[in-house]
Amino acid sequence: MIAIPGNVRVWLATGYTDMRRGFPSLALQVQEVLHKGPLSGHLFVFRGRRSDLVKAIWHDGQGACLFTKRLERGKFIWPSVAGESVTISPGQLSYLLSGIDWRNPQETHRPTRVG
């Protein structure tokens, strides 16, 4: 996983996105639909129709980055709100990319001793 600086805002584009798109057309979607700047340093995440594929674009100050992740099992948990985008923390993004429900991650109890 690429380390994302703590000051980067993460935006999830609600709805579905055509996953054939590359950085230029996703950046255009960020500009025209989300009304954000694709070169702002924020990270923008898009989901495919089957919910098993996401693409993220990010301009790190040196160049444009395009990341893709496909889950072998399960689906990415996505917000079901009406609107154009939702902001989440970099920590929540880590949960999302792991296939964990980032809205309410559950801590598992591990016993400290047997008996």
Protein backbone atom coordinates (compact mmCIF):
# COMPACT_ATOMS: atom_id res chain seq x y z
CA MET A 1 0.00 0.00 0.00
CA ILE A 2 1.18 3.50 -0.80
CA ALA A 3 1.53 5.70 2.27
CA ILE A 4 -0.95 8.58 2.10
CA PRO A 5 0.05 11.70 4.09
CA GLY A 6 -2.28 12.50 6.98
CA ASN A 7 -3.21 15.91 5.60
CA VAL A 8 -4.70 14.46 2.37
CA ARG A 9 -8.50 14.50 2.15
CA VAL A 10 -10.07 11.38 0.70
CA TRP A 11 -13.23 11.76 -1.40
CA LEU A 12 -15.49 8.88 -2.47
CA ALA A 13 -17.48 9.55 -5.63
CA THR A 14 -20.96 8.18 -4.94
CA GLY A 15 -22.62 5.98 -7.51
CA TYR A 16 -20.85 3.97 -10.19
CA THR A 17 -18.05 4.93 -12.55
CA ASP A 18 -17.02 3.41 -15.86
CA MET A 19 -13.83 1.56 -14.93
CA ARG A 20 -12.43 1.84 -18.45
CA ARG A 21 -11.57 5.45 -17.62
CA GLY A 22 -8.00 6.54 -17.01
CA PHE A 23 -6.55 9.51 -15.14
CA PRO A 24 -7.56 12.22 -17.67
CA SER A 25 -11.26 11.30 -17.80
CA LEU A 26 -11.48 10.62 -14.04
CA ALA A 27 -9.84 14.01 -13.41
CA LEU A 28 -12.45 15.59 -15.69
CA GLN A 29 -15.19 13.88 -13.64
CA VAL A 30 -13.65 15.29 -10.45
CA GLN A 31 -13.77 18.77 -11.99
CA GLU A 32 -17.19 18.70 -13.61
CA VAL A 33 -19.23 16.42 -11.33
CA LEU A 34 -17.58 16.71 -7.93
CA HIS A 35 -16.58 20.37 -8.40
CA LYS A 36 -13.14 19.76 -6.91
CA GLY A 37 -9.63 20.29 -8.24
CA PRO A 38 -8.04 17.03 -9.42
CA LEU A 39 -4.55 18.50 -8.90
CA SER A 40 -5.38 19.78 -5.39
CA GLY A 41 -3.53 16.99 -3.60
CA HIS A 42 -6.77 15.31 -2.49
CA LEU A 43 -7.36 11.63 -3.26
CA PHE A 44 -10.49 10.72 -5.22
CA VAL A 45 -11.88 7.16 -5.22
CA PHE A 46 -14.35 5.70 -7.73
CA ARG A 47 -16.20 2.38 -7.69
CA GLY A 48 -17.18 0.10 -10.56
CA ARG A 49 -20.70 -1.25 -11.12
CA ARG A 50 -20.00 -4.71 -9.63
CA SER A 51 -18.50 -3.11 -6.49
CA ASP A 52 -15.40 -5.30 -6.60
CA LEU A 53 -13.16 -2.73 -8.33
CA VAL A 54 -12.08 0.77 -7.28
CA LYS A 55 -9.82 3.33 -8.88
CA ALA A 56 -8.22 6.22 -7.05
CA ILE A 57 -6.53 9.28 -8.51
CA TRP A 58 -4.16 11.52 -6.63
CA HIS A 59 -1.72 14.24 -7.60
CA ASP A 60 1.14 14.03 -5.10
CA GLY A 61 2.80 17.31 -6.12
CA GLN A 62 5.22 15.61 -8.49
CA GLY A 63 2.84 13.83 -10.82
CA ALA A 64 -0.51 12.18 -11.35
CA CYS A 65 -1.13 8.78 -9.75
CA LEU A 66 -3.77 6.23 -10.69
CA PHE A 67 -4.34 3.28 -8.35
CA THR A 68 -6.60 0.29 -9.01
CA LYS A 69 -7.71 -2.47 -6.65
CA ARG A 70 -9.97 -5.44 -7.34
CA LEU A 71 -11.21 -7.67 -4.51
CA GLU A 72 -10.98 -11.39 -5.19
CA ARG A 73 -13.87 -12.01 -2.78
CA GLY A 74 -16.50 -9.65 -1.46
CA LYS A 75 -17.42 -6.12 -2.39
CA PHE A 76 -16.30 -2.64 -1.43
CA ILE A 77 -18.62 -0.97 1.07
CA TRP A 78 -19.80 2.29 -0.47
CA PRO A 79 -21.95 5.13 0.88
CA SER A 80 -25.57 5.06 -0.23
CA VAL A 81 -26.16 8.78 0.19
CA ALA A 82 -27.58 11.04 -2.46
CA GLY A 83 -25.00 13.52 -3.59
CA GLU A 84 -21.78 13.71 -5.47
CA SER A 85 -19.07 12.82 -2.95
CA VAL A 86 -18.38 11.81 0.63
CA THR A 87 -15.17 12.54 2.52
CA ILE A 88 -13.50 9.88 4.68
CA SER A 89 -10.26 9.73 6.66
CA PRO A 90 -7.09 8.01 5.38
CA GLY A 91 -7.66 5.38 8.11
CA GLN A 92 -11.16 4.67 6.83
CA LEU A 93 -9.70 4.36 3.32
CA SER A 94 -7.38 1.62 4.61
CA TYR A 95 -10.41 -0.28 5.94
CA LEU A 96 -12.29 0.23 2.69
CA LEU A 97 -9.40 -1.04 0.57
CA SER A 98 -9.17 -4.12 2.82
CA GLY A 99 -12.84 -4.94 2.22
CA ILE A 100 -13.78 -4.00 5.81
CA ASP A 101 -16.88 -1.93 6.55
CA TRP A 102 -15.16 1.42 7.12
CA ARG A 103 -18.35 2.97 8.55
CA ASN A 104 -18.30 0.74 11.65
CA PRO A 105 -15.14 -1.35 11.95
CA GLN A 106 -15.40 -3.96 14.66
CA GLU A 107 -12.53 -4.66 17.01
CA THR A 108 -12.03 -8.35 17.60
CA HIS A 109 -11.47 -9.47 21.16
CA ARG A 110 -8.26 -11.38 21.73
CA PRO A 111 -7.81 -13.06 25.10
CA THR A 112 -4.60 -12.17 26.91
CA ARG A 113 -4.39 -15.56 28.65
CA VAL A 114 -5.88 -19.01 28.42
CA GLY A 115 -7.87 -20.44 31.25
